[in-house]
């Protein structure tokens, strides 16, 4: 047996059932966590990945803004945003094959670059997820009262969302419910998600079909053109990068398939396949919806046009009635609520399991290693994530809604940060075998490197744009955009916490718990 074959065989043993007891190390120093193995199959894993992305919510909130940036080239930008995500997904797949660990980006980056870079990569994932959770909770709350107003036909019921006390109480209730479902394990999560994701995709299909059938019925309708798929037709590079940033956000969350790897049947291969399936479903849904929406109402700023500033932040609310009619139109409101609620629940998976892995490897306090004896979930990490989300959203809402908005704008920085580092970690980790075969060079080297490079470019451009106070809510701190202050400040906060943990857990930061590693070239027996 070759050294590489032995390494792959060792990687395949890291499972909830076939691995050694919880806490035992495999050949890579990767430890099992006591999670419930073989709880999710290929379909369930793909559904969880789709759910975390929240396709219907992403579409209603970004169709308009993307059209406002790039006009009719919106489908091309959706494809352009898909490309770096796909390339990074290959990096995740290859790393997961040899180290199916729920710490994903954190664990893999430590193995490639060492403890400090790995810790910051894990922090980027955790803080991005907390921001998303708070945003999803707020969106789900707003759509809950909007839907209630539509069903009852009462404007006063819909207006309850504007009551800050009612809004916060409803939001905290939804967070508590999502936390409880996640706490009960992957089986409960999977059962809920089949229904919610199925509903989302069904309603999107109905919307696309009805939009295509009514194309030409509105003053702003536009005939389909293949030029919509040409990214080079975007009027300026600045507009393209702005649209690309929005598009990349629309795909964030597919890596939840990987975070659930220790609970997945065939943990070395199934999560990677599930991630690719999820991404294909997402890009197909986005392209079909984007094309249909442009054909029926166009991408301009007049009337029902997607870029109309009065409706661009919630396109489906404006198009539900005109495109689907008063009865079926309610389904779009239901779908957006289901999308936000479903994603709220599944987004607890990556943050809880990343914290579990970081604590297992002594990068965070040991108390987070607790796994529920019955549900086999990281109980304390899940509850703490729920509490942190509720506190964060409540404080931000009471202090300043502008700060909350700017925090959401800073999210793109965190996403590009940890995705890019993970992509480069793949290249560096496998550097000893990149030229072994053409496949190794493509999937372990070239594709991850290009994906990381693209995301690094978006990270730099976003950082530059954030400096301008006009970016986000328009707020500033000493003349610097508040989005920049928040984004960079959150990363610096992670750095400070890392320094504190370095004093409390010196063994991890000395590389004694998870060691840097380079796969050897193939050596014949």
Protein backbone atom coordinates (compact mmCIF):
# COMPACT_ATOMS: atom_id res chain seq x y z
CA UNK A 1 0.00 0.00 0.00
CA UNK A 2 1.28 3.49 -0.81
CA UNK A 3 1.60 6.20 1.80
CA UNK A 4 -1.13 8.21 0.06
CA UNK A 5 -3.49 5.23 -0.03
CA UNK A 6 -2.86 4.66 3.67
CA UNK A 7 -3.63 8.30 4.39
CA UNK A 8 -6.93 8.09 2.51
CA UNK A 9 -7.85 4.87 4.32
CA UNK A 10 -7.09 6.53 7.63
CA UNK A 11 -9.24 9.52 6.69
CA UNK A 12 -12.17 7.25 5.87
CA UNK A 13 -12.28 5.94 9.46
CA UNK A 14 -13.20 9.27 11.04
CA UNK A 15 -16.92 8.61 11.48
CA UNK A 16 -19.35 8.67 14.31
CA UNK A 17 -19.74 4.87 14.23
CA UNK A 18 -16.59 3.27 12.87
CA UNK A 19 -14.12 5.66 14.48
CA UNK A 20 -12.55 5.06 17.86
CA UNK A 21 -14.22 6.44 20.96
CA UNK A 22 -14.94 10.13 21.31
CA UNK A 23 -11.77 12.11 21.75
CA UNK A 24 -9.49 9.52 20.13
CA UNK A 25 -7.05 10.70 17.46
CA UNK A 26 -6.75 9.26 13.96
CA UNK A 27 -3.56 9.30 11.86
CA UNK A 28 -3.93 13.07 11.35
CA UNK A 29 -4.58 13.94 14.99
CA UNK A 30 -8.27 14.46 14.11
CA UNK A 31 -10.56 13.62 17.01
CA UNK A 32 -14.10 12.27 17.07
CA UNK A 33 -16.58 14.41 19.00
CA UNK A 34 -19.36 12.00 20.02
CA UNK A 35 -21.79 13.29 17.41
CA UNK A 36 -24.51 11.02 16.02
CA UNK A 37 -22.92 9.21 13.07
CA UNK A 38 -24.86 8.08 9.97
CA UNK A 39 -27.78 10.42 10.76
CA UNK A 40 -28.00 12.04 7.30
CA UNK A 41 -27.69 10.63 3.78
CA UNK A 42 -26.83 12.29 0.46
CA UNK A 43 -30.28 13.80 -0.12
CA UNK A 44 -30.63 15.02 3.45
CA UNK A 45 -27.20 16.61 3.37
CA UNK A 46 -27.94 18.39 0.07
CA UNK A 47 -31.28 19.63 1.42
CA UNK A 48 -29.59 21.05 4.52
CA UNK A 49 -27.07 22.85 2.32
CA UNK A 50 -29.81 24.38 0.16
CA UNK A 51 -31.80 25.35 3.22
CA UNK A 52 -28.90 27.19 4.84
CA UNK A 53 -28.46 29.32 1.71
CA UNK A 54 -32.20 30.26 1.84
CA UNK A 55 -32.73 30.65 -1.94
CA UNK A 56 -36.14 32.34 -1.85
CA UNK A 57 -35.03 34.87 0.76
CA UNK A 58 -31.80 35.55 -1.17
CA UNK A 59 -33.74 36.11 -4.38
CA UNK A 60 -36.32 38.49 -2.96
CA UNK A 61 -33.66 40.57 -1.22
CA UNK A 62 -31.01 40.68 -3.95
CA UNK A 63 -32.75 40.41 -7.34
CA UNK A 64 -33.54 44.12 -7.27
CA UNK A 65 -30.20 45.36 -5.98
CA UNK A 66 -28.27 43.16 -8.43
CA UNK A 67 -30.41 44.38 -11.33
CA UNK A 68 -29.77 47.93 -10.16
CA UNK A 69 -26.01 47.35 -10.42
CA UNK A 70 -25.71 45.35 -13.64
CA UNK A 71 -29.06 45.71 -15.41
CA UNK A 72 -30.01 42.90 -17.77
CA UNK A 73 -26.67 41.17 -17.16
CA UNK A 74 -27.99 39.90 -13.81
CA UNK A 75 -28.08 36.21 -14.97
CA UNK A 76 -24.44 36.54 -16.10
CA UNK A 77 -23.44 37.88 -12.70
CA UNK A 78 -25.27 34.98 -11.02
CA UNK A 79 -23.08 32.65 -13.08
CA UNK A 80 -19.96 34.68 -12.27
CA UNK A 81 -20.70 34.46 -8.53
CA UNK A 82 -21.24 30.73 -8.86
CA UNK A 83 -17.77 30.17 -10.33
CA UNK A 84 -15.59 31.00 -7.27
CA UNK A 85 -18.03 29.14 -5.03
CA UNK A 86 -17.76 26.06 -7.25
CA UNK A 87 -13.97 26.25 -7.31
CA UNK A 88 -13.81 26.58 -3.51
CA UNK A 89 -16.26 23.67 -3.18
CA UNK A 90 -13.66 21.41 -4.83
CA UNK A 91 -11.18 22.46 -2.13
CA UNK A 92 -13.68 21.53 0.58
CA UNK A 93 -14.39 18.21 -1.12
CA UNK A 94 -10.74 17.20 -1.36
CA UNK A 95 -9.93 18.21 2.21
CA UNK A 96 -13.02 16.45 3.51
CA UNK A 97 -12.00 13.20 1.82
CA UNK A 98 -8.93 12.89 4.01
CA UNK A 99 -10.19 14.72 7.13
CA UNK A 100 -13.98 14.54 7.56
CA UNK A 101 -14.00 16.75 10.65
CA UNK A 102 -16.89 18.99 11.72
CA UNK A 103 -14.42 21.83 12.28
CA UNK A 104 -13.97 22.02 8.47
CA UNK A 105 -12.28 25.36 7.68
CA UNK A 106 -10.80 25.66 11.17
CA UNK A 107 -9.37 22.14 11.33
CA UNK A 108 -8.12 22.03 7.75
CA UNK A 109 -6.48 25.46 7.92
CA UNK A 110 -4.70 24.56 11.15
CA UNK A 111 -3.35 21.43 9.44
CA UNK A 112 -2.13 23.50 6.50
CA UNK A 113 -1.01 26.82 7.97
CA UNK A 114 -0.79 26.31 11.72
CA UNK A 115 -2.84 27.27 14.82
CA UNK A 116 -3.08 31.06 14.52
CA UNK A 117 -4.28 31.28 10.92
CA UNK A 118 -6.58 28.32 11.57
CA UNK A 119 -8.04 29.99 14.65
CA UNK A 120 -8.77 33.20 12.75
CA UNK A 121 -10.35 31.22 9.92
CA UNK A 122 -12.63 29.51 12.42
CA UNK A 123 -13.47 32.88 13.96
CA UNK A 124 -14.42 34.23 10.52
CA UNK A 125 -16.90 31.39 10.07
CA UNK A 126 -18.37 31.74 13.58
CA UNK A 127 -18.86 35.52 13.48
CA UNK A 128 -20.27 35.42 9.94
CA UNK A 129 -22.80 32.83 11.06
CA UNK A 130 -23.89 34.85 14.10
CA UNK A 131 -24.47 37.89 11.86
CA UNK A 132 -26.50 35.80 9.41
CA UNK A 133 -28.55 34.22 12.20
CA UNK A 134 -29.56 37.61 13.56
CA UNK A 135 -30.45 38.84 10.07
CA UNK A 136 -32.50 35.73 9.26
CA UNK A 137 -34.38 36.01 12.54
CA UNK A 138 -35.27 39.62 11.75
CA UNK A 139 -36.41 38.75 8.21
CA UNK A 140 -38.48 35.79 9.42
CA UNK A 141 -40.13 38.06 12.00
CA UNK A 142 -41.00 40.72 9.44
CA UNK A 143 -42.47 38.18 7.03
CA UNK A 144 -44.41 36.50 9.82
CA UNK A 145 -46.34 39.71 10.49
CA UNK A 146 -46.52 40.60 6.79
CA UNK A 147 -48.04 37.20 6.04
CA UNK A 148 -50.41 37.52 9.00
CA UNK A 149 -51.55 40.87 7.60
CA UNK A 150 -52.11 39.36 4.14
CA UNK A 151 -54.11 36.43 5.49
CA UNK A 152 -56.28 38.56 7.78
CA UNK A 153 -56.51 41.44 5.33
CA UNK A 154 -55.61 43.77 8.18
CA UNK A 155 -53.03 46.52 7.78
CA UNK A 156 -52.94 46.94 11.55
CA UNK A 157 -51.81 43.32 11.99
CA UNK A 158 -49.04 43.76 9.41
CA UNK A 159 -48.02 46.99 11.15
CA UNK A 160 -47.26 45.08 14.35
CA UNK A 161 -43.82 44.47 12.89
CA UNK A 162 -43.14 48.18 13.28
CA UNK A 163 -43.75 47.89 17.01
CA UNK A 164 -40.22 47.40 18.35
CA UNK A 165 -41.29 45.43 21.42
CA UNK A 166 -43.52 43.07 19.42
CA UNK A 167 -40.83 42.65 16.78
CA UNK A 168 -38.12 41.74 19.29
CA UNK A 169 -40.36 39.33 21.24
CA UNK A 170 -41.40 37.57 18.02
CA UNK A 171 -37.80 37.44 16.86
CA UNK A 172 -36.58 35.91 20.12
CA UNK A 173 -39.38 33.33 19.96
CA UNK A 174 -38.31 32.24 16.47
CA UNK A 175 -34.66 32.04 17.56
CA UNK A 176 -35.66 29.89 20.55
CA UNK A 177 -37.70 27.55 18.33
CA UNK A 178 -34.84 27.19 15.81
CA UNK A 179 -32.37 26.54 18.61
CA UNK A 180 -34.61 23.86 20.10
CA UNK A 181 -34.93 22.00 16.78
CA UNK A 182 -31.18 22.13 16.17
CA UNK A 183 -30.58 20.97 19.75
CA UNK A 184 -32.62 17.83 19.12
CA UNK A 185 -30.23 16.60 16.45
CA UNK A 186 -29.74 16.10 12.75
CA UNK A 187 -32.71 13.74 12.38
CA UNK A 188 -35.13 16.41 13.62
CA UNK A 189 -33.38 19.02 11.48
CA UNK A 190 -33.58 16.86 8.37
CA UNK A 191 -37.31 16.13 8.78
CA UNK A 192 -38.22 19.81 9.08
CA UNK A 193 -35.99 20.78 6.15
CA UNK A 194 -37.49 18.36 3.63
CA UNK A 195 -40.81 20.16 3.98
CA UNK A 196 -39.49 23.71 4.03
CA UNK A 197 -37.01 23.31 1.16
CA UNK A 198 -39.57 21.41 -0.92
CA UNK A 199 -42.04 24.26 -0.42
CA UNK A 200 -39.46 26.86 -1.47
CA UNK A 201 -38.52 25.10 -4.69
CA UNK A 202 -42.15 24.35 -5.55
CA UNK A 203 -43.22 27.98 -5.15
CA UNK A 204 -40.21 29.18 -7.15
CA UNK A 205 -41.20 26.78 -9.93
CA UNK A 206 -44.77 28.13 -9.94
CA UNK A 207 -43.51 31.72 -9.98
CA UNK A 208 -41.14 31.05 -12.91
CA UNK A 209 -43.86 29.29 -14.91
CA UNK A 210 -46.41 32.07 -14.35
CA UNK A 211 -43.86 34.82 -15.01
CA UNK A 212 -42.90 33.25 -18.33
CA UNK A 213 -46.55 32.89 -19.29
CA UNK A 214 -47.16 36.59 -18.60
CA UNK A 215 -43.98 37.90 -20.26
CA UNK A 216 -45.06 40.77 -22.49
CA UNK A 217 -48.17 41.59 -20.44
CA UNK A 218 -46.51 44.52 -18.64
CA UNK A 219 -45.16 47.80 -19.98
CA UNK A 220 -41.69 47.00 -18.68
CA UNK A 221 -41.55 43.42 -20.04
CA UNK A 222 -38.41 42.51 -21.98
CA UNK A 223 -37.80 39.79 -24.58
CA UNK A 224 -35.18 37.20 -23.70
CA UNK A 225 -31.68 37.63 -25.13
CA UNK A 226 -28.61 35.41 -24.83
CA UNK A 227 -26.60 38.59 -24.22
CA UNK A 228 -27.96 38.47 -20.66
CA UNK A 229 -25.45 35.66 -20.07
CA UNK A 230 -22.44 37.79 -21.09
CA UNK A 231 -20.63 39.24 -18.03
CA UNK A 232 -18.43 41.41 -20.28
CA UNK A 233 -21.50 43.42 -21.29
CA UNK A 234 -21.74 44.98 -17.80
CA UNK A 235 -21.31 48.74 -18.17
CA UNK A 236 -18.34 49.10 -15.80
CA UNK A 237 -15.94 47.08 -13.69
CA UNK A 238 -17.19 48.80 -10.53
CA UNK A 239 -20.76 47.74 -11.33
CA UNK A 240 -19.58 44.21 -12.06
CA UNK A 241 -17.71 43.83 -8.76
CA UNK A 242 -20.68 45.25 -6.83
CA UNK A 243 -22.99 42.76 -8.50
CA UNK A 244 -20.48 39.96 -7.99
CA UNK A 245 -20.30 40.68 -4.26
CA UNK A 246 -24.08 40.37 -4.03
CA UNK A 247 -24.03 37.19 -6.09
CA UNK A 248 -21.39 35.54 -3.89
CA UNK A 249 -23.50 36.26 -0.82
CA UNK A 250 -26.40 34.42 -2.50
CA UNK A 251 -24.43 31.16 -2.48
CA UNK A 252 -23.07 31.38 1.06
CA UNK A 253 -24.03 28.47 3.31
CA UNK A 254 -23.51 25.46 1.03
CA UNK A 255 -20.57 24.40 3.22
CA UNK A 256 -23.02 23.37 5.96
CA UNK A 257 -23.03 20.03 4.12
CA UNK A 258 -19.37 19.72 5.12
CA UNK A 259 -19.86 20.85 8.71
CA UNK A 260 -22.30 17.97 9.21
CA UNK A 261 -19.76 15.47 7.83
CA UNK A 262 -19.28 13.49 11.06
CA UNK A 263 -23.04 12.90 11.15
CA UNK A 264 -23.35 11.93 7.48
CA UNK A 265 -23.41 8.45 5.97
CA UNK A 266 -20.11 8.03 4.13
CA UNK A 267 -18.58 11.10 5.77
CA UNK A 268 -15.49 11.17 3.54
CA UNK A 269 -17.36 11.44 0.23
CA UNK A 270 -21.07 12.16 0.76
CA UNK A 271 -20.73 15.78 2.04
CA UNK A 272 -18.68 16.81 -1.00
CA UNK A 273 -21.22 15.31 -3.38
CA UNK A 274 -24.07 16.92 -1.45
CA UNK A 275 -22.39 20.34 -1.64
CA UNK A 276 -22.04 20.09 -5.42
CA UNK A 277 -25.68 18.97 -5.78
CA UNK A 278 -26.83 21.88 -3.60
CA UNK A 279 -24.86 24.38 -5.67
CA UNK A 280 -26.23 23.07 -8.97
CA UNK A 281 -29.79 23.34 -7.63
CA UNK A 282 -29.08 26.88 -6.41
CA UNK A 283 -27.55 28.20 -9.61
CA UNK A 284 -30.36 26.62 -11.63
CA UNK A 285 -32.99 28.22 -9.39
CA UNK A 286 -31.30 31.62 -9.51
CA UNK A 287 -30.89 31.63 -13.29
CA UNK A 288 -34.47 30.47 -13.96
CA UNK A 289 -35.96 33.01 -11.55
CA UNK A 290 -33.72 35.85 -12.70
CA UNK A 291 -34.48 35.30 -16.39
CA UNK A 292 -38.23 34.90 -15.78
CA UNK A 293 -38.39 38.00 -13.59
CA UNK A 294 -36.55 40.12 -16.15
CA UNK A 295 -38.76 38.90 -18.97
CA UNK A 296 -41.97 39.73 -17.14
CA UNK A 297 -41.09 43.12 -15.59
CA UNK A 298 -37.61 44.09 -16.85
CA UNK A 299 -34.67 45.32 -14.80
CA UNK A 300 -35.33 49.06 -14.91
CA UNK A 301 -36.33 51.51 -12.20
CA UNK A 302 -39.82 52.29 -13.51
CA UNK A 303 -43.07 50.61 -12.48
CA UNK A 304 -42.57 46.98 -11.51
CA UNK A 305 -38.99 46.97 -12.82
CA UNK A 306 -36.67 44.97 -10.60
CA UNK A 307 -34.40 47.95 -9.87
CA UNK A 308 -37.21 50.25 -8.71
CA UNK A 309 -35.74 51.66 -5.47
CA UNK A 310 -39.13 51.49 -3.75
CA UNK A 311 -39.38 47.72 -4.16
CA UNK A 312 -35.86 46.47 -4.93
CA UNK A 313 -35.16 45.32 -1.37
CA UNK A 314 -38.17 42.95 -1.45
CA UNK A 315 -38.97 42.05 -5.05
CA UNK A 316 -41.39 39.19 -4.37
CA UNK A 317 -43.61 41.38 -2.19
CA UNK A 318 -44.08 43.66 -5.21
CA UNK A 319 -44.45 40.90 -7.83
CA UNK A 320 -46.56 38.38 -5.90
CA UNK A 321 -49.95 39.87 -6.78
CA UNK A 322 -49.27 41.06 -10.37
CA UNK A 323 -47.58 37.82 -11.46
CA UNK A 324 -49.33 35.12 -9.41
CA UNK A 325 -52.64 36.74 -8.50
CA UNK A 326 -54.04 37.51 -5.02
CA UNK A 327 -54.51 33.88 -3.95
CA UNK A 328 -51.36 32.19 -5.24
CA UNK A 329 -49.42 35.35 -4.48
CA UNK A 330 -49.71 34.58 -0.77
CA UNK A 331 -47.61 31.48 -1.48
CA UNK A 332 -44.64 33.74 -2.20
CA UNK A 333 -44.96 35.33 1.23
CA UNK A 334 -45.19 31.84 2.76
CA UNK A 335 -42.12 30.74 0.78
CA UNK A 336 -40.01 33.70 1.94
CA UNK A 337 -41.02 33.08 5.56
CA UNK A 338 -40.27 29.37 5.17
CA UNK A 339 -36.93 30.19 3.54
CA UNK A 340 -35.81 32.50 6.34
CA UNK A 341 -37.12 30.18 9.08
CA UNK A 342 -35.53 27.09 7.53
CA UNK A 343 -32.18 28.81 7.11
CA UNK A 344 -32.38 30.18 10.65
CA UNK A 345 -32.63 26.64 11.94
CA UNK A 346 -29.93 25.01 9.79
CA UNK A 347 -27.46 27.88 10.19
CA UNK A 348 -27.01 26.77 13.80
CA UNK A 349 -25.29 23.65 12.44
CA UNK A 350 -22.00 25.21 11.25
CA UNK A 351 -21.51 27.59 14.17
CA UNK A 352 -22.25 24.97 16.84
CA UNK A 353 -20.05 22.32 15.24
CA UNK A 354 -17.19 24.68 14.53
CA UNK A 355 -17.23 25.79 18.19
CA UNK A 356 -17.40 22.11 19.22
CA UNK A 357 -14.33 21.31 17.11
CA UNK A 358 -12.38 24.34 18.32
CA UNK A 359 -13.03 23.39 21.94
CA UNK A 360 -12.21 19.72 21.28
CA UNK A 361 -8.79 20.78 20.01
CA UNK A 362 -8.38 23.15 23.00
CA UNK A 363 -8.69 26.33 20.94
CA UNK A 364 -11.77 27.36 22.96
CA UNK A 365 -12.88 26.54 26.53
CA UNK A 366 -13.35 22.83 27.20
CA UNK A 367 -16.96 23.31 28.35
CA UNK A 368 -18.07 23.60 24.71
CA UNK A 369 -17.09 19.96 24.09
CA UNK A 370 -20.27 18.76 25.77
CA UNK A 371 -22.41 16.62 23.46
CA UNK A 372 -25.97 15.70 24.48
CA UNK A 373 -26.03 12.01 25.48
CA UNK A 374 -29.36 11.34 23.73
CA UNK A 375 -29.54 13.78 20.81
CA UNK A 376 -25.81 13.55 20.03
CA UNK A 377 -25.57 17.28 19.32
CA UNK A 378 -23.19 19.96 20.63
CA UNK A 379 -25.80 21.06 23.16
CA UNK A 380 -23.99 23.87 24.93
CA UNK A 381 -22.53 25.31 21.72
CA UNK A 382 -26.00 25.34 20.11
CA UNK A 383 -27.66 27.04 23.08
CA UNK A 384 -24.87 29.61 23.42
CA UNK A 385 -25.13 30.39 19.69
CA UNK A 386 -28.87 30.93 20.11
CA UNK A 387 -28.41 33.18 23.12
CA UNK A 388 -25.64 35.14 21.37
CA UNK A 389 -27.87 35.64 18.33
CA UNK A 390 -30.78 36.87 20.44
CA UNK A 391 -28.65 39.23 22.48
CA UNK A 392 -26.83 40.57 19.41
CA UNK A 393 -30.06 41.26 17.51
CA UNK A 394 -31.83 42.80 20.50
CA UNK A 395 -28.95 45.12 21.39
CA UNK A 396 -28.40 46.21 17.79
CA UNK A 397 -32.11 46.86 17.27
CA UNK A 398 -32.40 48.93 20.45
CA UNK A 399 -29.16 50.85 19.97
CA UNK A 400 -29.26 51.64 16.27
CA UNK A 401 -30.85 49.99 13.28
CA UNK A 402 -28.13 51.61 11.15
CA UNK A 403 -25.50 49.60 13.03
CA UNK A 404 -27.50 46.42 12.42
CA UNK A 405 -27.72 47.18 8.69
CA UNK A 406 -24.00 47.94 8.48
CA UNK A 407 -23.17 44.72 10.32
CA UNK A 408 -25.04 42.79 7.65
CA UNK A 409 -23.13 44.68 4.94
CA UNK A 410 -19.87 43.64 6.63
CA UNK A 411 -20.88 39.99 6.26
CA UNK A 412 -19.39 39.70 2.77
CA UNK A 413 -15.96 40.47 4.19
CA UNK A 414 -16.18 37.54 6.63
CA UNK A 415 -17.42 35.14 3.94
CA UNK A 416 -14.60 35.92 1.51
CA UNK A 417 -12.11 35.83 4.39
CA UNK A 418 -12.65 32.26 5.54
CA UNK A 419 -13.57 30.76 2.15
CA UNK A 420 -10.39 32.14 0.56
CA UNK A 421 -8.15 30.92 3.40
CA UNK A 422 -9.70 27.44 3.16
CA UNK A 423 -9.14 27.35 -0.61
CA UNK A 424 -5.47 28.28 -0.21
CA UNK A 425 -5.17 25.77 2.64
CA UNK A 426 -6.17 23.02 0.20
CA UNK A 427 -3.41 23.99 -2.24
CA UNK A 428 -0.79 24.20 0.49
CA UNK A 429 -1.85 21.06 2.31
CA UNK A 430 -1.72 18.94 -0.85
CA UNK A 431 1.37 20.63 -2.29
CA UNK A 432 3.34 17.40 -2.06
CA UNK A 433 1.05 15.57 -4.47
CA UNK A 434 -0.20 18.27 -6.87
CA UNK A 435 1.79 16.87 -9.77
CA UNK A 436 1.01 13.23 -9.07
CA UNK A 437 -1.87 13.13 -11.58
CA UNK A 438 -3.80 15.56 -13.74
CA UNK A 439 -6.79 15.17 -11.43
CA UNK A 440 -4.76 16.09 -8.36
CA UNK A 441 -3.39 19.16 -10.08
CA UNK A 442 -6.86 20.32 -11.16
CA UNK A 443 -8.94 19.58 -8.05
CA UNK A 444 -6.36 20.04 -5.30
CA UNK A 445 -4.35 22.84 -6.87
CA UNK A 446 -5.56 24.87 -9.81
CA UNK A 447 -9.28 25.13 -9.05
CA UNK A 448 -8.95 25.91 -5.33
CA UNK A 449 -6.18 28.43 -6.06
CA UNK A 450 -8.27 30.27 -8.66
CA UNK A 451 -11.30 30.24 -6.34
CA UNK A 452 -9.24 31.63 -3.46
CA UNK A 453 -7.70 34.25 -5.73
CA UNK A 454 -11.11 35.43 -6.91
CA UNK A 455 -12.46 35.70 -3.39
CA UNK A 456 -9.32 37.51 -2.24
CA UNK A 457 -9.94 40.05 -5.00
CA UNK A 458 -13.54 40.53 -3.87
CA UNK A 459 -12.32 40.82 -0.26
CA UNK A 460 -9.88 43.58 -1.20
CA UNK A 461 -12.39 45.46 -3.33
CA UNK A 462 -15.04 45.21 -0.60
CA UNK A 463 -12.55 46.46 2.00
CA UNK A 464 -11.75 49.43 -0.24
CA UNK A 465 -15.42 50.26 -0.85
CA UNK A 466 -16.26 49.96 2.85
CA UNK A 467 -13.94 52.86 3.68
CA UNK A 468 -16.44 55.22 2.04
CA UNK A 469 -19.15 56.35 4.52
CA UNK A 470 -21.69 56.09 1.69
CA UNK A 471 -21.31 52.31 1.77
CA UNK A 472 -24.17 50.71 3.73
CA UNK A 473 -26.34 52.97 5.89
CA UNK A 474 -24.20 56.05 5.25
CA UNK A 475 -22.94 56.22 8.84
CA UNK A 476 -19.31 56.97 9.64
CA UNK A 477 -16.82 56.96 12.53
CA UNK A 478 -14.27 59.79 12.35
CA UNK A 479 -14.89 60.04 8.62
CA UNK A 480 -14.44 56.30 7.99
CA UNK A 481 -17.41 54.21 6.83
CA UNK A 482 -19.05 52.39 9.72
CA UNK A 483 -19.22 49.20 7.63
CA UNK A 484 -15.40 49.25 7.42
CA UNK A 485 -15.12 49.89 11.16
CA UNK A 486 -17.50 47.03 11.97
CA UNK A 487 -16.00 44.55 9.50
CA UNK A 488 -12.38 45.17 10.43
CA UNK A 489 -13.33 45.59 14.09
CA UNK A 490 -14.94 42.14 14.23
CA UNK A 491 -11.83 40.56 12.74
CA UNK A 492 -9.64 42.43 15.25
CA UNK A 493 -11.95 41.29 18.06
CA UNK A 494 -11.26 37.73 16.98
CA UNK A 495 -7.53 38.42 17.05
CA UNK A 496 -7.79 39.74 20.62
CA UNK A 497 -9.81 36.70 21.76
CA UNK A 498 -7.21 34.49 20.10
CA UNK A 499 -4.46 36.15 22.16
CA UNK A 500 -6.47 35.51 25.32
CA UNK A 501 -6.95 31.85 24.37
CA UNK A 502 -3.26 31.57 23.58
CA UNK A 503 -2.49 32.27 27.25
CA UNK A 504 -5.16 29.81 28.44
CA UNK A 505 -4.48 27.01 25.93
CA UNK A 506 -0.78 27.19 25.05
CA UNK A 507 -0.62 23.57 23.87
CA UNK A 508 -2.92 24.22 20.91
CA UNK A 509 -1.05 27.34 19.85
CA UNK A 510 2.28 25.52 20.11
CA UNK A 511 0.96 23.05 17.56
CA UNK A 512 0.90 20.14 20.00
CA UNK A 513 -2.81 19.30 19.61
CA UNK A 514 -3.33 19.69 15.85
CA UNK A 515 -0.02 19.61 14.00
CA UNK A 516 0.80 21.08 10.62
CA UNK A 517 1.02 18.38 8.01
CA UNK A 518 2.01 17.84 4.37
CA UNK A 519 0.87 14.70 2.53
CA UNK A 520 3.82 12.76 1.18
CA UNK A 521 4.32 11.96 -2.46
CA UNK A 522 3.38 8.45 -3.49
CA UNK A 523 6.05 6.01 -2.45
CA UNK A 524 5.79 2.41 -3.61
CA UNK A 525 5.95 -0.35 -1.02
